[in-house]
Amino acid sequence: MKPSSHTPPISRRRFLAIAGATIAVPTIIPGSALGADGRPAPSNRITMGVVGWGMQGPGNTGNFMRQADCQVLASANIDKNHLAKSLAAINGKQKNNDCKAYHDYREMMARTDIDTVMLAVPDHWHALVATEAARNKKDIYGEKPLARTIAEQQAIVKAVQDNHLIWQTGSWQRSERNFHYGAEIVRNGLIGKITRVEVGLPSGHTDFAGTGKPLLGKLKSMNVTDLATVVPGSAAWDIAVSEAPAELDYETWIGPSTMEPYIQARSHMNWRWNYNTGGGQLLDWIGHHCDIAHWGLGNDNHIGPLEIEGSGEFPAINALWNSCTKYRISCKYPDDITMIIAGGHSDIRSGTKWIGTKGWVWVNRGNAFESSHEPWENDRTLPDADRKIQLPLTQGGHWRNFLDSVKSRKPAVAPVEAAHHSAIPGHLGLISMMLGRKIKWDPTKEVIVNDAEATRMLSRGYRAPWHLS
C-alpha cells in the first residue's frame, strides 16, 4: 500500500460550485440529481466513505443510508468478501452503482468529494485510520473505544481538534432517552453530592463471529472446552493455526501490531479477545457505561481519576484468547468520589449507577431506569425548574445527530474529548491489573505519576512500516 498524497482538499460543495460554472450542463438531467426523488439535491447531501464491514459497519452504514441527505460514495476493506458485501448492500439500498470499492483506505480518504467517514475497524487500527481521515479534513463517525492505547487516543484528539472537525463516537447510549434522563438528574444535583458510581460491564469471552465453536469441536477429543486455555506449542494450537484465507490481506489486517499466526477464531469480530488487537470486555464496553457515568458527573473534559487499582483473572498471556475474563477496578476521583468498574461480580449490576447523599439512580439498556425517588420512574420527565443544566438531547437518533452536527458545525452529542476521557479509566485499570499495583494519574497533564513501567504501557510500538505521525 503506497501512502497517498495529502494535498489539502477543497470542500465538496465548493468543488460543485466551481464545476457548475465551468462545465456545460447536459440537456437531460436525472430527476434524482435535482432531488425529484424526494431526496435533497446532491449539493445538499452529505457524502460518506465507510471503512470496515464486520460487526458495527453494516448497522452504522444502514442507519446513515436511512437519512435522506446522506449518500455513501465509497467503501474500503482489506477483506474482499466483506468489501463485496458492503458494495451490494450500499448500492442496493441507494439503487445505483455510485459506491466505489477501495482496498487502501488512504486512497478513499484522499477523495475531495467525500465529506465524512464512518470508521468501524479493530481497535489496533483506530488511530491510524482516524488520523488519516482528520488530515484529509473528513468529519468522523468512529467506534469506541477511541483507540487501543491512551497515547493513540491523544493523537486522535489532537488531529480532530487541529483540523476543526466534527467527531461522533459510537457511544449511542447518549442518544437514548433513559440514559439522558438519568445523567441529567445527576448533573443537576438532585441526588445530592455523588459519593460512589458503579459501572457494570460484561465478563468472559463471546464468540461474536461464530468461529470459536467450530474450532472447539475440532478440539473436543483433546478435552479442550475453552479457547483461553489453548497456547503455543500444544497440539490444540497447531490445529487452530492455519493459512489466512485468500480473500483477506492478513499482513495489512495485523498492520501495526505484532505479527502472529493466523487463527480464524481470533480475527473478524473475535479480535477483541486478543490483546494484540483488542482490549477484552473491559475496553469493548468502557465507552458505553463509563461514558454515561462521566456524562452524569460532568467529566467529558479533563476531570478524571486520580488513583486506579484493579484486579482480574487472566488467561496465559500467549493464549489464543488472552483478555481478562473477570475484573474489578476502583477509581478515586476528585471530591471523594469512588467509581467501581466491574465485570463478573454479582454485587455490581450491569449498567451505570450513581449514588449520592440524597439518593441514587440506575440506568441500563432496554430503556431501564430505577431510582430512589419513585416519581422519577413514573414521570420520566424533569420539571424545567430542576433542569438548570440541560444535557444535549438528540433529535432523530445518534446517526442523525452526527449529520446535523456536520451541517451546523456544533459538537455532536458524543465528541472526541468525551470518548477519550470515558475510556481512560478502562485503559488505566487494565494497566493496573497487568502490573498488580495501584496507578496514580494526573488528569490535567494526562500522565502516570512516578511509575516508569506503567508509563511505557500508555503506548505501544508499531510494526514497520506503520507509524503514527
Protein backbone atom coordinates (compact mmCIF):
# COMPACT_ATOMS: atom_id res chain seq x y z
CA MET A 1 0.00 0.00 0.00
CA LYS A 2 1.53 3.25 -1.10
CA PRO A 3 0.98 6.35 1.02
CA SER A 4 -1.41 8.80 -0.58
CA SER A 5 -0.57 12.43 -1.09
CA HIS A 6 -2.00 14.93 1.36
CA THR A 7 -2.79 17.90 -0.81
CA PRO A 8 -5.34 19.97 1.16
CA PRO A 9 -8.73 19.21 -0.41
CA ILE A 10 -11.28 21.84 -1.30
CA SER A 11 -14.74 21.25 0.07
CA ARG A 12 -17.12 19.16 -1.99
CA ARG A 13 -19.71 21.92 -2.14
CA ARG A 14 -17.13 24.45 -3.36
CA PHE A 15 -15.99 21.94 -5.96
CA LEU A 16 -19.56 21.61 -7.20
CA ALA A 17 -19.93 25.37 -7.43
CA ILE A 18 -16.72 25.68 -9.45
CA ALA A 19 -17.68 22.77 -11.70
CA GLY A 20 -21.12 24.26 -12.32
CA ALA A 21 -19.53 27.48 -13.55
CA THR A 22 -17.11 25.78 -15.94
CA ILE A 23 -18.81 22.65 -17.22
CA ALA A 24 -21.66 22.73 -19.73
CA VAL A 25 -24.95 21.46 -18.30
CA PRO A 26 -26.26 18.37 -20.15
CA THR A 27 -29.57 18.59 -21.96
CA ILE A 28 -31.15 15.84 -19.83
CA ILE A 29 -30.55 15.79 -16.07
CA PRO A 30 -31.70 12.80 -13.98
CA GLY A 31 -34.53 13.71 -11.65
CA SER A 32 -32.59 12.34 -8.68
CA ALA A 33 -29.83 14.88 -9.32
CA LEU A 34 -32.30 17.67 -8.61
CA GLY A 35 -33.97 15.95 -5.70
CA ALA A 36 -37.10 14.92 -7.61
CA ASP A 37 -36.99 11.51 -5.94
CA GLY A 38 -37.82 13.14 -2.62
CA ARG A 39 -34.18 13.41 -1.55
CA PRO A 40 -32.15 16.60 -1.27
CA ALA A 41 -30.20 17.53 -4.40
CA PRO A 42 -26.57 16.32 -4.41
CA SER A 43 -25.25 19.76 -3.50
CA ASN A 44 -27.17 19.48 -0.20
CA ARG A 45 -26.26 15.90 0.57
CA ILE A 46 -23.52 14.81 2.95
CA THR A 47 -21.27 12.31 1.24
CA MET A 48 -19.64 9.48 3.16
CA GLY A 49 -16.99 6.82 2.86
CA VAL A 50 -17.05 3.75 5.11
CA VAL A 51 -14.14 1.71 6.44
CA GLY A 52 -15.00 -1.67 7.94
CA TRP A 53 -17.83 -4.14 7.40
CA GLY A 54 -17.81 -6.54 10.33
CA MET A 55 -19.92 -6.10 13.44
CA GLN A 56 -20.65 -2.35 13.57
CA GLY A 57 -20.06 -1.28 9.99
CA PRO A 58 -23.24 -2.65 8.39
CA GLY A 59 -25.53 -1.26 11.10
CA ASN A 60 -23.92 2.16 11.19
CA THR A 61 -23.96 2.44 7.41
CA GLY A 62 -27.56 1.32 7.26
CA ASN A 63 -28.56 3.98 9.76
CA PHE A 64 -26.81 6.65 7.70
CA MET A 65 -28.40 5.48 4.46
CA ARG A 66 -31.83 5.85 6.09
CA GLN A 67 -31.16 9.59 6.23
CA ALA A 68 -32.32 11.26 3.00
CA ASP A 69 -29.44 13.74 2.99
CA CYS A 70 -26.61 11.17 3.26
CA GLN A 71 -25.05 9.39 0.30
CA VAL A 72 -22.36 6.70 0.67
CA LEU A 73 -19.82 7.01 -2.15
CA ALA A 74 -17.05 4.63 -1.11
CA SER A 75 -16.23 1.54 0.93
CA ALA A 76 -12.74 0.44 1.96
CA ASN A 77 -11.91 -3.04 3.19
CA ILE A 78 -8.96 -5.45 3.10
CA ASP A 79 -11.26 -8.49 3.04
CA LYS A 80 -12.58 -8.99 -0.48
CA ASN A 81 -15.68 -10.80 0.77
CA HIS A 82 -16.55 -8.03 3.22
CA LEU A 83 -15.92 -5.45 0.52
CA ALA A 84 -18.25 -7.21 -1.90
CA LYS A 85 -20.97 -7.46 0.76
CA SER A 86 -20.67 -3.77 1.55
CA LEU A 87 -20.98 -2.75 -2.10
CA ALA A 88 -24.00 -5.00 -2.61
CA ALA A 89 -25.72 -3.57 0.48
CA ILE A 90 -24.89 0.08 -0.20
CA ASN A 91 -25.56 0.17 -3.95
CA GLY A 92 -28.63 -1.98 -3.46
CA LYS A 93 -30.07 0.42 -0.90
CA GLN A 94 -29.16 3.52 -2.91
CA LYS A 95 -30.34 1.91 -6.18
CA ASN A 96 -27.23 2.88 -8.14
CA ASN A 97 -23.59 1.90 -8.56
CA ASP A 98 -22.14 5.11 -7.13
CA CYS A 99 -20.37 3.44 -4.20
CA LYS A 100 -16.83 2.53 -5.24
CA ALA A 101 -14.54 -0.09 -3.72
CA TYR A 102 -11.11 0.52 -2.18
CA HIS A 103 -8.52 -1.82 -0.75
CA ASP A 104 -6.43 1.08 0.59
CA TYR A 105 -8.41 3.36 2.89
CA ARG A 106 -5.91 6.15 2.25
CA GLU A 107 -6.89 6.35 -1.40
CA MET A 108 -10.50 6.71 -0.34
CA MET A 109 -9.63 9.40 2.22
CA ALA A 110 -7.88 11.44 -0.48
CA ARG A 111 -11.11 11.93 -2.45
CA THR A 112 -12.22 15.56 -2.21
CA ASP A 113 -15.86 14.72 -2.95
CA ILE A 114 -16.26 12.81 0.33
CA ASP A 115 -17.32 14.91 3.32
CA THR A 116 -17.43 12.33 6.13
CA VAL A 117 -16.25 8.84 7.04
CA MET A 118 -17.67 6.04 9.16
CA LEU A 119 -14.91 4.01 10.83
CA ALA A 120 -15.63 0.53 12.23
CA VAL A 121 -12.28 -1.28 12.33
CA PRO A 122 -10.49 -3.35 15.01
CA ASP A 123 -9.11 -1.35 17.93
CA HIS A 124 -5.48 -1.65 16.81
CA TRP A 125 -6.37 0.24 13.62
CA HIS A 126 -8.38 3.09 15.16
CA ALA A 127 -5.58 5.63 15.46
CA LEU A 128 -4.08 5.20 12.00
CA VAL A 129 -7.39 5.36 10.17
CA ALA A 130 -8.81 8.22 12.25
CA THR A 131 -5.75 10.46 11.98
CA GLU A 132 -5.60 9.84 8.22
CA ALA A 133 -9.23 10.91 7.94
CA ALA A 134 -8.51 14.01 10.02
CA ARG A 135 -5.55 15.00 7.83
CA ASN A 136 -7.89 14.80 4.85
CA LYS A 137 -10.42 17.07 6.57
CA LYS A 138 -13.15 14.44 6.91
CA ASP A 139 -15.71 14.69 9.68
CA ILE A 140 -15.68 11.36 11.50
CA TYR A 141 -18.10 8.88 13.00
CA GLY A 142 -15.79 6.48 14.87
CA GLU A 143 -16.36 3.44 17.05
CA LYS A 144 -15.50 3.02 20.70
CA PRO A 145 -13.16 2.70 22.49
CA LEU A 146 -11.44 5.69 20.96
CA ALA A 147 -8.20 3.71 20.48
CA ARG A 148 -6.16 0.76 21.71
CA THR A 149 -3.91 2.94 23.94
CA ILE A 150 -4.13 6.29 25.69
CA ALA A 151 -1.29 7.71 23.56
CA GLU A 152 -3.20 6.80 20.41
CA GLN A 153 -6.31 8.46 21.83
CA GLN A 154 -4.35 11.63 22.50
CA ALA A 155 -3.17 11.63 18.88
CA ILE A 156 -6.74 11.30 17.62
CA VAL A 157 -8.00 14.12 19.84
CA LYS A 158 -5.22 16.40 18.63
CA ALA A 159 -5.84 15.56 14.96
CA VAL A 160 -9.57 16.24 15.26
CA GLN A 161 -9.07 19.49 17.16
CA ASP A 162 -6.26 20.78 14.93
CA ASN A 163 -8.40 20.24 11.83
CA HIS A 164 -11.59 21.66 13.40
CA LEU A 165 -13.61 18.54 12.65
CA ILE A 166 -16.89 17.09 13.86
CA TRP A 167 -16.48 13.77 15.67
CA GLN A 168 -19.22 11.43 16.84
CA THR A 169 -18.34 8.33 18.85
CA GLY A 170 -20.46 5.20 18.52
CA SER A 171 -21.41 5.61 22.21
CA TRP A 172 -25.04 5.68 21.10
CA GLN A 173 -26.45 5.38 24.62
CA ARG A 174 -26.15 9.17 24.83
CA SER A 175 -28.93 9.36 22.25
CA GLU A 176 -31.30 7.15 24.29
CA ARG A 177 -33.80 8.97 26.49
CA ASN A 178 -33.37 6.92 29.69
CA PHE A 179 -29.59 7.45 29.77
CA HIS A 180 -30.05 11.16 29.06
CA TYR A 181 -32.70 11.42 31.79
CA GLY A 182 -30.58 9.67 34.41
CA ALA A 183 -27.46 11.69 33.62
CA GLU A 184 -29.41 14.94 33.75
CA ILE A 185 -30.84 14.11 37.19
CA VAL A 186 -27.32 13.55 38.47
CA ARG A 187 -25.84 16.64 36.80
CA ASN A 188 -28.49 18.82 38.43
CA GLY A 189 -27.60 17.60 41.92
CA LEU A 190 -30.98 16.01 42.58
CA ILE A 191 -29.43 13.01 44.35
CA GLY A 192 -27.06 15.23 46.31
CA LYS A 193 -23.29 15.03 46.32
CA ILE A 194 -22.09 11.97 44.44
CA THR A 195 -20.04 9.60 46.59
CA ARG A 196 -19.93 6.42 44.53
CA VAL A 197 -20.53 5.31 40.93
CA GLU A 198 -20.93 1.68 39.89
CA VAL A 199 -20.23 0.66 36.30
CA GLY A 200 -21.20 -2.92 35.49
CA LEU A 201 -19.75 -4.42 32.29
CA PRO A 202 -19.77 -7.90 30.70
CA SER A 203 -17.20 -10.56 31.58
CA GLY A 204 -15.71 -13.59 29.86
CA HIS A 205 -15.48 -14.03 26.10
CA THR A 206 -18.25 -14.05 23.49
CA ASP A 207 -17.92 -15.87 20.18
CA PHE A 208 -19.29 -12.97 18.13
CA ALA A 209 -18.16 -14.38 14.78
CA GLY A 210 -19.25 -17.94 15.45
CA THR A 211 -15.74 -19.15 14.61
CA GLY A 212 -14.83 -20.32 18.10
CA LYS A 213 -17.43 -23.08 18.33
CA PRO A 214 -16.26 -24.99 15.23
CA LEU A 215 -12.69 -24.87 16.49
CA LEU A 216 -13.75 -26.23 19.87
CA GLY A 217 -15.49 -29.02 18.00
CA LYS A 218 -12.18 -29.97 16.39
CA LEU A 219 -10.51 -29.90 19.82
CA LYS A 220 -13.18 -31.95 21.60
CA SER A 221 -11.10 -35.11 21.58
CA MET A 222 -8.37 -33.20 23.46
CA ASN A 223 -10.83 -32.18 26.17
CA VAL A 224 -10.39 -28.51 25.28
CA THR A 225 -13.53 -26.58 26.26
CA ASP A 226 -12.16 -23.03 26.39
CA LEU A 227 -10.03 -21.28 23.77
CA ALA A 228 -8.43 -19.27 26.57
CA THR A 229 -6.56 -22.46 27.54
CA VAL A 230 -5.02 -23.04 24.10
CA VAL A 231 -1.36 -21.95 23.99
CA PRO A 232 1.52 -22.17 21.50
CA GLY A 233 3.39 -25.46 21.48
CA SER A 234 0.27 -27.53 22.15
CA ALA A 235 -1.42 -29.87 19.69
CA ALA A 236 -4.56 -27.76 20.03
CA TRP A 237 -2.66 -24.64 18.96
CA ASP A 238 -1.28 -26.41 15.91
CA ILE A 239 -4.82 -27.30 14.86
CA ALA A 240 -6.03 -23.73 15.43
CA VAL A 241 -3.33 -22.13 13.26
CA SER A 242 -3.93 -22.05 9.51
CA GLU A 243 -3.13 -20.07 6.41
CA ALA A 244 -5.12 -16.86 6.10
CA PRO A 245 -7.90 -17.11 3.50
CA ALA A 246 -7.07 -15.72 0.07
CA GLU A 247 -9.71 -13.01 0.33
CA LEU A 248 -8.10 -11.48 3.45
CA ASP A 249 -4.97 -9.32 3.27
CA TYR A 250 -3.77 -10.60 6.63
CA GLU A 251 -0.44 -8.75 6.52
CA THR A 252 -2.33 -5.47 6.41
CA TRP A 253 -5.02 -6.68 8.84
CA ILE A 254 -2.37 -7.18 11.54
CA GLY A 255 -1.00 -3.80 10.50
CA PRO A 256 0.89 -2.00 13.28
CA SER A 257 0.51 -4.85 15.79
CA THR A 258 2.94 -7.70 16.36
CA MET A 259 2.77 -10.32 13.61
CA GLU A 260 1.11 -13.51 14.84
CA PRO A 261 -0.02 -16.72 13.14
CA TYR A 262 -3.46 -16.51 11.56
CA ILE A 263 -6.20 -18.11 13.65
CA GLN A 264 -9.70 -17.68 12.32
CA ALA A 265 -11.23 -17.71 15.81
CA ARG A 266 -9.44 -14.52 16.78
CA SER A 267 -9.71 -12.50 13.59
CA HIS A 268 -13.03 -10.94 12.44
CA MET A 269 -15.12 -9.80 15.42
CA ASN A 270 -13.22 -12.04 17.87
CA TRP A 271 -10.09 -9.88 17.68
CA ARG A 272 -11.43 -8.32 20.90
CA TRP A 273 -10.20 -11.25 22.96
CA ASN A 274 -6.55 -10.89 21.94
CA TYR A 275 -4.58 -8.02 23.48
CA ASN A 276 -2.51 -7.73 20.32
CA THR A 277 -5.57 -6.34 18.53
CA GLY A 278 -8.25 -5.55 21.14
CA GLY A 279 -8.90 -4.81 24.79
CA GLY A 280 -11.27 -7.51 26.03
CA GLN A 281 -14.70 -6.88 27.51
CA LEU A 282 -13.35 -4.03 29.64
CA LEU A 283 -12.23 -1.84 26.74
CA ASP A 284 -15.02 -3.03 24.45
CA TRP A 285 -17.65 -1.70 26.88
CA ILE A 286 -15.92 1.13 28.74
CA GLY A 287 -17.10 3.56 26.04
CA HIS A 288 -20.71 2.73 26.88
CA HIS A 289 -21.46 2.58 30.61
CA CYS A 290 -18.41 4.55 31.80
CA ASP A 291 -19.24 7.13 29.14
CA ILE A 292 -22.69 7.54 30.70
CA ALA A 293 -21.15 7.67 34.18
CA HIS A 294 -18.88 10.52 33.11
CA TRP A 295 -21.76 12.29 31.37
CA GLY A 296 -23.63 12.39 34.65
CA LEU A 297 -20.55 13.52 36.56
CA GLY A 298 -19.69 16.24 34.06
CA ASN A 299 -16.35 14.60 33.27
CA ASP A 300 -16.28 14.97 29.50
CA ASN A 301 -13.24 17.24 29.73
CA HIS A 302 -10.09 16.82 31.80
CA ILE A 303 -11.64 15.59 35.07
CA GLY A 304 -10.51 12.02 35.50
CA PRO A 305 -9.46 9.53 38.17
CA LEU A 306 -6.53 10.28 40.44
CA GLU A 307 -5.84 6.72 41.56
CA ILE A 308 -6.71 3.42 39.91
CA GLU A 309 -6.34 -0.03 41.39
CA GLY A 310 -7.61 -3.22 39.80
CA SER A 311 -7.55 -6.98 39.99
CA GLY A 312 -8.60 -9.51 37.41
CA GLU A 313 -8.46 -13.06 36.17
CA PHE A 314 -6.29 -13.52 33.08
CA PRO A 315 -5.57 -16.48 30.81
CA ALA A 316 -1.95 -17.09 29.86
CA ILE A 317 -0.54 -14.03 28.11
CA ASN A 318 0.14 -16.11 24.96
CA ALA A 319 -3.23 -17.92 24.98
CA LEU A 320 -5.40 -17.91 21.88
CA TRP A 321 -7.90 -15.71 23.74
CA ASN A 322 -5.88 -13.90 26.39
CA SER A 323 -8.04 -10.98 27.56
CA CYS A 324 -9.19 -10.66 31.15
CA THR A 325 -12.31 -12.70 31.93
CA LYS A 326 -13.25 -11.21 35.33
CA TYR A 327 -12.20 -7.85 36.72
CA ARG A 328 -12.79 -5.22 39.37
CA ILE A 329 -11.29 -1.73 39.25
CA SER A 330 -11.54 1.01 41.87
CA CYS A 331 -11.01 4.60 40.72
CA LYS A 332 -10.64 7.55 43.07
CA TYR A 333 -11.92 10.82 41.61
CA PRO A 334 -11.70 14.37 42.97
CA ASP A 335 -14.28 15.36 45.60
CA ASP A 336 -14.07 11.93 47.29
CA ILE A 337 -15.90 10.07 44.54
CA THR A 338 -15.18 6.38 44.08
CA MET A 339 -16.02 4.61 40.83
CA ILE A 340 -16.15 0.82 40.72
CA ILE A 341 -15.85 -0.76 37.26
CA ALA A 342 -16.53 -4.48 37.31
CA GLY A 343 -17.28 -7.45 35.12
CA GLY A 344 -18.24 -10.84 36.53
CA HIS A 345 -19.02 -9.59 40.06
CA SER A 346 -22.61 -10.09 41.24
CA ASP A 347 -22.61 -7.07 43.54
CA ILE A 348 -22.13 -4.66 40.63
CA ARG A 349 -25.20 -4.55 38.42
CA SER A 350 -24.90 -4.16 34.66
CA GLY A 351 -25.29 -0.53 33.61
CA THR A 352 -24.47 2.71 35.42
CA LYS A 353 -25.50 3.59 38.97
CA TRP A 354 -24.79 6.93 40.62
CA ILE A 355 -25.08 7.05 44.43
CA GLY A 356 -25.35 10.38 46.22
CA THR A 357 -26.06 11.76 49.66
CA LYS A 358 -29.76 12.15 48.80
CA GLY A 359 -30.45 9.05 46.74
CA TRP A 360 -29.42 7.02 43.70
CA VAL A 361 -30.17 6.50 40.01
CA TRP A 362 -29.51 3.41 37.85
CA VAL A 363 -29.76 3.13 34.04
CA ASN A 364 -29.16 0.32 31.59
CA ARG A 365 -30.07 -0.77 28.09
CA GLY A 366 -33.62 -1.76 27.25
CA ASN A 367 -34.91 1.61 28.50
CA ALA A 368 -34.11 0.51 32.05
CA PHE A 369 -34.33 3.18 34.73
CA GLU A 370 -34.63 2.90 38.52
CA SER A 371 -34.11 5.38 41.31
CA SER A 372 -34.62 6.01 44.99
CA HIS A 373 -37.28 8.60 44.07
CA GLU A 374 -40.32 6.79 42.69
CA PRO A 375 -41.92 9.79 40.92
CA TRP A 376 -38.88 9.99 38.62
CA GLU A 377 -39.54 6.44 37.45
CA ASN A 378 -43.20 7.15 36.71
CA ASP A 379 -42.88 10.54 35.03
CA ARG A 380 -39.53 10.17 33.21
CA THR A 381 -39.62 13.96 32.82
CA LEU A 382 -37.98 16.57 34.99
CA PRO A 383 -39.71 19.92 35.60
CA ASP A 384 -37.90 22.78 33.87
CA ALA A 385 -37.12 24.26 37.26
CA ASP A 386 -34.95 21.24 38.06
CA ARG A 387 -33.13 21.33 34.72
CA LYS A 388 -30.69 24.15 35.38
CA ILE A 389 -28.13 22.06 33.50
CA GLN A 390 -29.62 20.70 30.28
CA LEU A 391 -27.69 17.99 28.51
CA PRO A 392 -28.00 17.85 24.72
CA LEU A 393 -30.93 15.72 23.61
CA THR A 394 -30.56 14.31 20.14
CA GLN A 395 -33.39 14.52 17.65
CA GLY A 396 -33.75 11.54 15.34
CA GLY A 397 -31.07 9.36 16.87
CA HIS A 398 -27.31 9.13 17.19
CA TRP A 399 -26.54 8.96 13.46
CA ARG A 400 -28.89 11.84 12.67
CA ASN A 401 -27.15 13.89 15.34
CA PHE A 402 -23.81 13.40 13.58
CA LEU A 403 -25.18 14.62 10.24
CA ASP A 404 -26.87 17.60 11.89
CA SER A 405 -23.57 18.49 13.56
CA VAL A 406 -21.73 18.25 10.24
CA LYS A 407 -24.15 20.84 8.87
CA SER A 408 -24.29 23.15 11.89
CA ARG A 409 -20.61 22.72 12.93
CA LYS A 410 -21.80 22.39 16.52
CA PRO A 411 -20.34 19.49 18.55
CA ALA A 412 -22.09 16.13 18.34
CA VAL A 413 -23.51 14.55 21.49
CA ALA A 414 -20.51 12.17 21.84
CA PRO A 415 -17.49 14.30 20.85
CA VAL A 416 -13.91 13.08 20.68
CA GLU A 417 -12.95 14.59 24.05
CA ALA A 418 -15.73 12.67 25.80
CA ALA A 419 -14.68 9.42 24.11
CA HIS A 420 -11.10 9.98 25.22
CA HIS A 421 -11.86 10.66 28.86
CA SER A 422 -14.50 7.94 29.13
CA ALA A 423 -12.00 5.26 28.05
CA ILE A 424 -9.12 6.41 30.26
CA PRO A 425 -10.34 4.56 33.41
CA GLY A 426 -10.51 1.35 31.37
CA HIS A 427 -7.00 1.74 29.95
CA LEU A 428 -5.52 2.62 33.34
CA GLY A 429 -7.47 -0.16 35.02
CA LEU A 430 -6.03 -2.69 32.59
CA ILE A 431 -2.50 -1.40 33.22
CA SER A 432 -3.06 -1.66 36.98
CA MET A 433 -4.35 -5.22 36.68
CA MET A 434 -1.45 -6.29 34.47
CA LEU A 435 1.15 -4.80 36.81
CA GLY A 436 -0.63 -5.79 40.01
CA ARG A 437 -0.38 -2.39 41.65
CA LYS A 438 -2.09 0.95 42.11
CA ILE A 439 -1.63 3.62 39.44
CA LYS A 440 -1.57 7.34 40.16
CA TRP A 441 -2.81 9.57 37.35
CA ASP A 442 -2.52 13.29 36.72
CA PRO A 443 -5.74 14.05 34.77
CA THR A 444 -4.60 17.55 33.80
CA LYS A 445 -1.25 16.56 32.32
CA GLU A 446 -2.57 13.10 31.35
CA VAL A 447 0.47 11.27 32.69
CA ILE A 448 1.06 8.42 35.12
CA VAL A 449 2.87 9.67 38.20
CA ASN A 450 6.21 8.17 39.30
CA ASP A 451 5.91 4.80 37.55
CA ALA A 452 8.14 4.38 34.51
CA GLU A 453 6.97 0.84 33.74
CA ALA A 454 3.30 1.83 33.79
CA THR A 455 4.08 4.92 31.72
CA ARG A 456 5.56 2.77 28.96
CA MET A 457 2.22 0.95 28.76
CA LEU A 458 0.41 4.15 27.74
CA SER A 459 1.66 3.50 24.20
CA ARG A 460 2.81 0.60 22.05
CA GLY A 461 5.48 0.22 19.42
CA TYR A 462 4.31 -0.07 15.81
CA ARG A 463 5.42 -2.79 13.43
CA ALA A 464 7.21 -1.40 10.39
CA PRO A 465 6.38 0.27 8.09
CA TRP A 466 3.42 1.63 10.06
CA HIS A 467 3.86 4.69 12.21
CA LEU A 468 1.59 7.22 13.88
CA SER A 469 2.57 10.75 12.94
